[in-house]
């Protein structure tokens, strides 16, 4: 059994595990940060090494969020060391804290000079353990936007915005009762804003028309390349 402080530290360390860097070194003997977009995330692995390595990295990065929320959070013993003013039980609060620590670890990884990925996969894994319906809708939005635009970044940004919007419409339009909605909606907006922040360079390139496209058909048919970042 663990204290909440140790759970936060372990969640951060799990989030910090540099999956993309390790996979790129093992698969091709390269530093993924020197190729493609220069980002140490699953999307760049997709672009440089192909879909098999990319999907593996994305799933592993999602697992970070799931492990933090569904495994480490369950090891909490005793009451949380602060007054719980949320409508959630203590366990859900610990899940949220652990998941956020994992996301921060992925974005600012301890093992790669505090320069990691953009957090979308780890956030998806965390939220999958807390709000699976909203995650499913957000993933559907990602797929539609990606297929139509061929921009992974635009799909990721759309999914980040779709998550809190889905929660809002389920509660206020479709009258679905969501436990802790008035707390969870603000938390989900915060996660979405973090994802937008980590994609700020992509947003600039999208506006300038210089963002790289990645069609699904070409992605599935390619073995990957090692074009250096410019």
Foldseek 3Di string as FASTA:
>chain_A
DDALVVLLVVLLQLLLPQLQQVLCCVPPNDRLLFFDASASALVSCLAFQFDVSSVVRLVSNLVSLQCSQPPSLVPHDDAHPDDDPFLDDRSVVSLLSSLVSSQQCQCQPPVPNGHHHLRLSSNLSSVCVPPVVLSVVLVVQLVVCCQVPQANLVSSLSSLVSSLVVLCCVCPPVVDDDRRSVPVSVSSPVVSVSSCVSCVVVVVCVVVVNGDGHHPVVRNVDRGHGHTHD
